[in-house]
């Protein structure tokens, strides 16, 4: 769990291809696979640069980035 950023993933909303695309797109290696599910690497969570690439790629509400320092939530808005 990050100090400044908490990222949650609803892997049930992601297919394997979307999960792999998110892993490839993330410039700071936040995501990985656990079994067949996309997961957050807790040790990398605070490295998030808020680039929004994962949010633009993931289906609606599959990824939520919570900025713990101000309470704002960024929610993926892709179509599904």
PDB file of N, CA and C in Angstrom:
ATOM      1  N   UNK A   1       0.848  -1.183   0.000  1.00  0.00           N
ATOM      2  CA  UNK A   1       0.000   0.000   0.000  1.00  0.00           C
ATOM      3  C   UNK A   1       0.889   1.240   0.000  1.00  0.00           C
ATOM      4  N   UNK A   2       0.542   2.165  -0.861  1.00  0.00           N
ATOM      5  CA  UNK A   2       1.321   3.381  -0.982  1.00  0.00           C
ATOM      6  C   UNK A   2       1.000   4.388   0.111  1.00  0.00           C
ATOM      7  N   UNK A   3       1.881   5.330   0.286  1.00  0.00           N
ATOM      8  CA  UNK A   3       1.684   6.397   1.256  1.00  0.00           C
ATOM      9  C   UNK A   3       0.868   7.522   0.629  1.00  0.00           C
ATOM     10  N   UNK A   4       1.166   7.857  -0.616  1.00  0.00           N
ATOM     11  CA  UNK A   4       0.515   8.973  -1.282  1.00  0.00           C
ATOM     12  C   UNK A   4      -0.570   8.541  -2.258  1.00  0.00           C
ATOM     13  N   UNK A   5      -0.423   7.355  -2.803  1.00  0.00           N
ATOM     14  CA  UNK A   5      -1.325   6.841  -3.829  1.00  0.00           C
ATOM     15  C   UNK A   5      -1.746   5.425  -3.442  1.00  0.00           C
ATOM     16  N   UNK A   6      -3.026   5.138  -3.583  1.00  0.00           N
ATOM     17  CA  UNK A   6      -3.518   3.765  -3.446  1.00  0.00           C
ATOM     18  C   UNK A   6      -4.240   3.419  -4.739  1.00  0.00           C
ATOM     19  N   UNK A   7      -3.836   2.329  -5.360  1.00  0.00           N
ATOM     20  CA  UNK A   7      -4.429   1.921  -6.635  1.00  0.00           C
ATOM     21  C   UNK A   7      -5.174   0.618  -6.406  1.00  0.00           C
ATOM     22  N   UNK A   8      -6.432   0.597  -6.838  1.00  0.00           N
ATOM     23  CA  UNK A   8      -7.198  -0.643  -6.743  1.00  0.00           C
ATOM     24  C   UNK A   8      -7.576  -1.102  -8.143  1.00  0.00           C
ATOM     25  N   UNK A   9      -7.618  -2.412  -8.296  1.00  0.00           N
ATOM     26  CA  UNK A   9      -7.920  -3.032  -9.589  1.00  0.00           C
ATOM     27  C   UNK A   9      -9.080  -4.000  -9.394  1.00  0.00           C
ATOM     28  N   UNK A  10     -10.099  -3.863 -10.228  1.00  0.00           N
ATOM     29  CA  UNK A  10     -11.174  -4.853 -10.279  1.00  0.00           C
ATOM     30  C   UNK A  10     -10.860  -5.734 -11.482  1.00  0.00           C
ATOM     31  N   UNK A  11     -10.109  -6.796 -11.237  1.00  0.00           N
ATOM     32  CA  UNK A  11      -9.619  -7.629 -12.333  1.00  0.00           C
ATOM     33  C   UNK A  11     -10.733  -8.383 -13.049  1.00  0.00           C
ATOM     34  N   UNK A  12     -11.893  -8.479 -12.436  1.00  0.00           N
ATOM     35  CA  UNK A  12     -13.026  -9.150 -13.099  1.00  0.00           C
ATOM     36  C   UNK A  12     -13.518  -8.361 -14.310  1.00  0.00           C
ATOM     37  N   UNK A  13     -13.201  -7.075 -14.355  1.00  0.00           N
ATOM     38  CA  UNK A  13     -13.620  -6.238 -15.475  1.00  0.00           C
ATOM     39  C   UNK A  13     -12.615  -6.224 -16.621  1.00  0.00           C
ATOM     40  N   UNK A  14     -11.476  -6.894 -16.421  1.00  0.00           N
ATOM     41  CA  UNK A  14     -10.395  -6.883 -17.414  1.00  0.00           C
ATOM     42  C   UNK A  14     -10.224  -8.254 -18.050  1.00  0.00           C
ATOM     43  N   UNK A  15     -10.050  -8.276 -19.358  1.00  0.00           N
ATOM     44  CA  UNK A  15      -9.699  -9.537 -20.003  1.00  0.00           C
ATOM     45  C   UNK A  15      -8.171  -9.629 -20.043  1.00  0.00           C
ATOM     46  N   UNK A  16      -7.624 -10.795 -20.347  1.00  0.00           N
ATOM     47  CA  UNK A  16      -6.158 -10.963 -20.330  1.00  0.00           C
ATOM     48  C   UNK A  16      -5.412  -9.991 -21.246  1.00  0.00           C
ATOM     49  N   UNK A  17      -5.969  -9.695 -22.396  1.00  0.00           N
ATOM     50  CA  UNK A  17      -5.300  -8.774 -23.319  1.00  0.00           C
ATOM     51  C   UNK A  17      -5.231  -7.361 -22.744  1.00  0.00           C
ATOM     52  N   UNK A  18      -6.307  -6.915 -22.115  1.00  0.00           N
ATOM     53  CA  UNK A  18      -6.309  -5.587 -21.497  1.00  0.00           C
ATOM     54  C   UNK A  18      -5.292  -5.532 -20.349  1.00  0.00           C
ATOM     55  N   UNK A  19      -5.257  -6.596 -19.561  1.00  0.00           N
ATOM     56  CA  UNK A  19      -4.312  -6.647 -18.443  1.00  0.00           C
ATOM     57  C   UNK A  19      -2.875  -6.553 -18.936  1.00  0.00           C
ATOM     58  N   UNK A  20      -2.540  -7.305 -19.957  1.00  0.00           N
ATOM     59  CA  UNK A  20      -1.187  -7.268 -20.513  1.00  0.00           C
ATOM     60  C   UNK A  20      -0.864  -5.890 -21.089  1.00  0.00           C
ATOM     61  N   UNK A  21      -1.832  -5.251 -21.730  1.00  0.00           N
ATOM     62  CA  UNK A  21      -1.618  -3.911 -22.291  1.00  0.00           C
ATOM     63  C   UNK A  21      -1.322  -2.909 -21.179  1.00  0.00           C
ATOM     64  N   UNK A  22      -2.029  -3.001 -20.074  1.00  0.00           N
ATOM     65  CA  UNK A  22      -1.814  -2.086 -18.952  1.00  0.00           C
ATOM     66  C   UNK A  22      -0.422  -2.287 -18.372  1.00  0.00           C
ATOM     67  N   UNK A  23       0.000  -3.531 -18.231  1.00  0.00           N
ATOM     68  CA  UNK A  23       1.344  -3.812 -17.719  1.00  0.00           C
ATOM     69  C   UNK A  23       2.395  -3.193 -18.634  1.00  0.00           C
ATOM     70  N   UNK A  24       2.231  -3.364 -19.940  1.00  0.00           N
ATOM     71  CA  UNK A  24       3.206  -2.825 -20.907  1.00  0.00           C
ATOM     72  C   UNK A  24       3.227  -1.295 -20.914  1.00  0.00           C
ATOM     73  N   UNK A  25       2.061  -0.676 -20.757  1.00  0.00           N
ATOM     74  CA  UNK A  25       1.960   0.782 -20.852  1.00  0.00           C
ATOM     75  C   UNK A  25       2.507   1.517 -19.636  1.00  0.00           C
ATOM     76  N   UNK A  26       2.441   0.929 -18.482  1.00  0.00           N
ATOM     77  CA  UNK A  26       2.832   1.628 -17.252  1.00  0.00           C
ATOM     78  C   UNK A  26       4.323   1.938 -17.264  1.00  0.00           C
ATOM     79  N   UNK A  27       4.682   3.225 -17.222  1.00  0.00           N
ATOM     80  CA  UNK A  27       6.094   3.586 -17.305  1.00  0.00           C
ATOM     81  C   UNK A  27       6.889   3.320 -16.027  1.00  0.00           C
ATOM     82  N   UNK A  28       6.216   3.016 -14.921  1.00  0.00           N
ATOM     83  CA  UNK A  28       6.927   2.823 -13.651  1.00  0.00           C
ATOM     84  C   UNK A  28       6.661   1.456 -13.022  1.00  0.00           C
ATOM     85  N   UNK A  29       6.205   0.486 -13.825  1.00  0.00           N
ATOM     86  CA  UNK A  29       6.104  -0.911 -13.403  1.00  0.00           C
ATOM     87  C   UNK A  29       5.229  -1.112 -12.163  1.00  0.00           C
ATOM     88  N   UNK A  30       4.047  -0.514 -12.181  1.00  0.00           N
ATOM     89  CA  UNK A  30       3.117  -0.625 -11.042  1.00  0.00           C
ATOM     90  C   UNK A  30       2.353  -1.945 -11.075  1.00  0.00           C
ATOM     91  N   UNK A  31       2.095  -2.470 -12.256  1.00  0.00           N
ATOM     92  CA  UNK A  31       1.203  -3.621 -12.402  1.00  0.00           C
ATOM     93  C   UNK A  31       1.949  -4.895 -12.766  1.00  0.00           C
ATOM     94  N   UNK A  32       1.363  -6.015 -12.374  1.00  0.00           N
ATOM     95  CA  UNK A  32       1.869  -7.332 -12.738  1.00  0.00           C
ATOM     96  C   UNK A  32       0.708  -8.317 -12.693  1.00  0.00           C
ATOM     97  N   UNK A  33       0.982  -9.538 -13.069  1.00  0.00           N
ATOM     98  CA  UNK A  33      -0.047 -10.571 -13.043  1.00  0.00           C
ATOM     99  C   UNK A  33       0.138 -11.458 -11.813  1.00  0.00           C
ATOM    100  N   UNK A  34      -0.961 -11.789 -11.180  1.00  0.00           N
ATOM    101  CA  UNK A  34      -0.997 -12.789 -10.117  1.00  0.00           C
ATOM    102  C   UNK A  34      -1.985 -13.832 -10.605  1.00  0.00           C
ATOM    103  N   UNK A  35      -1.458 -14.965 -11.017  1.00  0.00           N
ATOM    104  CA  UNK A  35      -2.312 -15.946 -11.683  1.00  0.00           C
ATOM    105  C   UNK A  35      -2.800 -15.352 -12.986  1.00  0.00           C
ATOM    106  N   UNK A  36      -4.099 -15.307 -13.153  1.00  0.00           N
ATOM    107  CA  UNK A  36      -4.706 -14.735 -14.363  1.00  0.00           C
ATOM    108  C   UNK A  36      -5.248 -13.334 -14.144  1.00  0.00           C
ATOM    109  N   UNK A  37      -4.859 -12.691 -13.041  1.00  0.00           N
ATOM    110  CA  UNK A  37      -5.450 -11.405 -12.686  1.00  0.00           C
ATOM    111  C   UNK A  37      -4.404 -10.298 -12.609  1.00  0.00           C
ATOM    112  N   UNK A  38      -4.804  -9.116 -13.090  1.00  0.00           N
ATOM    113  CA  UNK A  38      -3.963  -7.936 -12.965  1.00  0.00           C
ATOM    114  C   UNK A  38      -3.914  -7.538 -11.496  1.00  0.00           C
ATOM    115  N   UNK A  39      -2.728  -7.194 -11.015  1.00  0.00           N
ATOM    116  CA  UNK A  39      -2.557  -6.792  -9.622  1.00  0.00           C
ATOM    117  C   UNK A  39      -1.580  -5.625  -9.541  1.00  0.00           C
ATOM    118  N   UNK A  40      -1.659  -4.917  -8.438  1.00  0.00           N
ATOM    119  CA  UNK A  40      -0.757  -3.806  -8.161  1.00  0.00           C
ATOM    120  C   UNK A  40       0.447  -4.337  -7.383  1.00  0.00           C
ATOM    121  N   UNK A  41       1.634  -3.885  -7.766  1.00  0.00           N
ATOM    122  CA  UNK A  41       2.847  -4.212  -7.022  1.00  0.00           C
ATOM    123  C   UNK A  41       2.967  -3.174  -5.897  1.00  0.00           C
ATOM    124  N   UNK A  42       2.650  -3.547  -4.658  1.00  0.00           N
ATOM    125  CA  UNK A  42       2.600  -2.564  -3.571  1.00  0.00           C
ATOM    126  C   UNK A  42       3.895  -1.779  -3.383  1.00  0.00           C
ATOM    127  N   UNK A  43       5.023  -2.419  -3.639  1.00  0.00           N
ATOM    128  CA  UNK A  43       6.305  -1.739  -3.449  1.00  0.00           C
ATOM    129  C   UNK A  43       6.541  -0.640  -4.481  1.00  0.00           C
ATOM    130  N   UNK A  44       5.768  -0.636  -5.576  1.00  0.00           N
ATOM    131  CA  UNK A  44       5.920   0.373  -6.626  1.00  0.00           C
ATOM    132  C   UNK A  44       4.785   1.390  -6.657  1.00  0.00           C
ATOM    133  N   UNK A  45       3.789   1.207  -5.819  1.00  0.00           N
ATOM    134  CA  UNK A  45       2.565   2.017  -5.895  1.00  0.00           C
ATOM    135  C   UNK A  45       2.836   3.523  -5.819  1.00  0.00           C
ATOM    136  N   UNK A  46       3.689   3.954  -4.910  1.00  0.00           N
ATOM    137  CA  UNK A  46       3.963   5.386  -4.778  1.00  0.00           C
ATOM    138  C   UNK A  46       4.813   5.949  -5.909  1.00  0.00           C
ATOM    139  N   UNK A  47       5.277   5.094  -6.817  1.00  0.00           N
ATOM    140  CA  UNK A  47       6.025   5.569  -7.977  1.00  0.00           C
ATOM    141  C   UNK A  47       5.089   6.098  -9.075  1.00  0.00           C
ATOM    142  N   UNK A  48       3.794   5.911  -8.912  1.00  0.00           N
ATOM    143  CA  UNK A  48       2.810   6.348  -9.914  1.00  0.00           C
ATOM    144  C   UNK A  48       3.006   7.822 -10.235  1.00  0.00           C
ATOM    145  N   UNK A  49       3.093   8.126 -11.530  1.00  0.00           N
ATOM    146  CA  UNK A  49       3.278   9.502 -11.985  1.00  0.00           C
ATOM    147  C   UNK A  49       1.969  10.151 -12.412  1.00  0.00           C
ATOM    148  N   UNK A  50       0.866   9.435 -12.230  1.00  0.00           N
ATOM    149  CA  UNK A  50      -0.466   9.927 -12.615  1.00  0.00           C
ATOM    150  C   UNK A  50      -0.530  10.257 -14.106  1.00  0.00           C
ATOM    151  N   UNK A  51       0.125   9.431 -14.903  1.00  0.00           N
ATOM    152  CA  UNK A  51       0.144   9.655 -16.355  1.00  0.00           C
ATOM    153  C   UNK A  51      -1.195   9.313 -17.011  1.00  0.00           C
ATOM    154  N   UNK A  52      -2.024   8.528 -16.328  1.00  0.00           N
ATOM    155  CA  UNK A  52      -3.369   8.147 -16.764  1.00  0.00           C
ATOM    156  C   UNK A  52      -3.405   7.108 -17.890  1.00  0.00           C
ATOM    157  N   UNK A  53      -2.269   6.555 -18.287  1.00  0.00           N
ATOM    158  CA  UNK A  53      -2.293   5.557 -19.353  1.00  0.00           C
ATOM    159  C   UNK A  53      -3.126   4.344 -18.969  1.00  0.00           C
ATOM    160  N   UNK A  54      -3.013   3.895 -17.736  1.00  0.00           N
ATOM    161  CA  UNK A  54      -3.818   2.747 -17.298  1.00  0.00           C
ATOM    162  C   UNK A  54      -5.302   3.095 -17.284  1.00  0.00           C
ATOM    163  N   UNK A  55      -5.621   4.319 -16.862  1.00  0.00           N
ATOM    164  CA  UNK A  55      -7.019   4.743 -16.783  1.00  0.00           C
ATOM    165  C   UNK A  55      -7.651   4.843 -18.168  1.00  0.00           C
ATOM    166  N   UNK A  56      -6.856   5.241 -19.145  1.00  0.00           N
ATOM    167  CA  UNK A  56      -7.361   5.373 -20.511  1.00  0.00           C
ATOM    168  C   UNK A  56      -7.531   4.017 -21.187  1.00  0.00           C
ATOM    169  N   UNK A  57      -6.811   3.010 -20.728  1.00  0.00           N
ATOM    170  CA  UNK A  57      -6.828   1.689 -21.344  1.00  0.00           C
ATOM    171  C   UNK A  57      -7.842   0.755 -20.699  1.00  0.00           C
ATOM    172  N   UNK A  58      -8.029   0.885 -19.406  1.00  0.00           N
ATOM    173  CA  UNK A  58      -8.907  -0.024 -18.661  1.00  0.00           C
ATOM    174  C   UNK A  58     -10.381   0.299 -18.872  1.00  0.00           C
ATOM    175  N   UNK A  59     -11.236  -0.717 -18.806  1.00  0.00           N
ATOM    176  CA  UNK A  59     -12.682  -0.490 -18.870  1.00  0.00           C
ATOM    177  C   UNK A  59     -13.152   0.367 -17.687  1.00  0.00           C
ATOM    178  N   UNK A  60     -14.343   0.884 -17.828  1.00  0.00           N
ATOM    179  CA  UNK A  60     -14.936   1.745 -16.805  1.00  0.00           C
ATOM    180  C   UNK A  60     -14.860   1.092 -15.420  1.00  0.00           C
ATOM    181  N   UNK A  61     -14.273   1.819 -14.468  1.00  0.00           N
ATOM    182  CA  UNK A  61     -14.168   1.455 -13.053  1.00  0.00           C
ATOM    183  C   UNK A  61     -13.286   0.233 -12.776  1.00  0.00           C
ATOM    184  N   UNK A  62     -12.503  -0.208 -13.740  1.00  0.00           N
ATOM    185  CA  UNK A  62     -11.610  -1.346 -13.502  1.00  0.00           C
ATOM    186  C   UNK A  62     -10.390  -0.934 -12.675  1.00  0.00           C
ATOM    187  N   UNK A  63      -9.970   0.323 -12.807  1.00  0.00           N
ATOM    188  CA  UNK A  63      -8.834   0.830 -12.029  1.00  0.00           C
ATOM    189  C   UNK A  63      -9.245   2.143 -11.375  1.00  0.00           C
ATOM    190  N   UNK A  64      -8.924   2.258 -10.088  1.00  0.00           N
ATOM    191  CA  UNK A  64      -9.170   3.490  -9.342  1.00  0.00           C
ATOM    192  C   UNK A  64      -7.860   3.894  -8.675  1.00  0.00           C
ATOM    193  N   UNK A  65      -7.473   5.148  -8.886  1.00  0.00           N
ATOM    194  CA  UNK A  65      -6.302   5.703  -8.225  1.00  0.00           C
ATOM    195  C   UNK A  65      -6.802   6.700  -7.194  1.00  0.00           C
ATOM    196  N   UNK A  66      -6.508   6.424  -5.943  1.00  0.00           N
ATOM    197  CA  UNK A  66      -6.934   7.286  -4.852  1.00  0.00           C
ATOM    198  C   UNK A  66      -5.736   8.093  -4.370  1.00  0.00           C
ATOM    199  N   UNK A  67      -5.839   9.406  -4.495  1.00  0.00           N
ATOM    200  CA  UNK A  67      -4.779  10.285  -3.997  1.00  0.00           C
ATOM    201  C   UNK A  67      -5.032  10.479  -2.503  1.00  0.00           C
ATOM    202  N   UNK A  68      -4.273   9.791  -1.679  1.00  0.00           N
ATOM    203  CA  UNK A  68      -4.527   9.825  -0.242  1.00  0.00           C
ATOM    204  C   UNK A  68      -4.244  11.194   0.374  1.00  0.00           C
ATOM    205  N   UNK A  69      -3.439  12.003  -0.288  1.00  0.00           N
ATOM    206  CA  UNK A  69      -3.068  13.308   0.248  1.00  0.00           C
ATOM    207  C   UNK A  69      -4.154  14.368   0.084  1.00  0.00           C
ATOM    208  N   UNK A  70      -5.134  14.126  -0.820  1.00  0.00           N
ATOM    209  CA  UNK A  70      -6.198  15.115  -0.965  1.00  0.00           C
ATOM    210  C   UNK A  70      -7.588  14.497  -1.151  1.00  0.00           C
ATOM    211  N   UNK A  71      -7.671  13.180  -1.143  1.00  0.00           N
ATOM    212  CA  UNK A  71      -8.963  12.504  -1.228  1.00  0.00           C
ATOM    213  C   UNK A  71      -9.519  12.337  -2.630  1.00  0.00           C
ATOM    214  N   UNK A  72      -8.867  12.870  -3.634  1.00  0.00           N
ATOM    215  CA  UNK A  72      -9.355  12.754  -5.016  1.00  0.00           C
ATOM    216  C   UNK A  72      -9.217  11.317  -5.513  1.00  0.00           C
ATOM    217  N   UNK A  73     -10.197  10.883  -6.307  1.00  0.00           N
ATOM    218  CA  UNK A  73     -10.135   9.562  -6.931  1.00  0.00           C
ATOM    219  C   UNK A  73     -10.179   9.725  -8.441  1.00  0.00           C
ATOM    220  N   UNK A  74      -9.277   9.025  -9.122  1.00  0.00           N
ATOM    221  CA  UNK A  74      -9.262   8.978 -10.577  1.00  0.00           C
ATOM    222  C   UNK A  74      -9.751   7.594 -10.964  1.00  0.00           C
ATOM    223  N   UNK A  75     -10.770   7.546 -11.818  1.00  0.00           N
ATOM    224  CA  UNK A  75     -11.419   6.278 -12.151  1.00  0.00           C
ATOM    225  C   UNK A  75     -11.324   6.059 -13.650  1.00  0.00           C
ATOM    226  N   UNK A  76     -10.933   4.819 -14.020  1.00  0.00           N
ATOM    227  CA  UNK A  76     -10.851   4.510 -15.449  1.00  0.00           C
ATOM    228  C   UNK A  76     -12.226   4.685 -16.090  1.00  0.00           C
ATOM    229  N   UNK A  77     -12.218   5.236 -17.279  1.00  0.00           N
ATOM    230  CA  UNK A  77     -13.473   5.562 -17.963  1.00  0.00           C
ATOM    231  C   UNK A  77     -13.601   4.912 -19.319  1.00  0.00           C
ATOM    232  N   UNK A  78     -12.754   3.909 -19.594  1.00  0.00           N
ATOM    233  CA  UNK A  78     -12.836   3.218 -20.874  1.00  0.00           C
ATOM    234  C   UNK A  78     -14.224   2.647 -21.109  1.00  0.00           C
ATOM    235  N   UNK A  79     -14.494   2.284 -22.314  1.00  0.00           N
ATOM    236  CA  UNK A  79     -15.796   1.714 -22.635  1.00  0.00           C
ATOM    237  C   UNK A  79     -15.771   0.215 -22.391  1.00  0.00           C
ATOM    238  N   UNK A  80     -16.865  -0.326 -21.968  1.00  0.00           N
ATOM    239  CA  UNK A  80     -16.966  -1.768 -21.785  1.00  0.00           C
ATOM    240  C   UNK A  80     -18.377  -2.225 -22.040  1.00  0.00           C
TER     241      UNK A  80
END
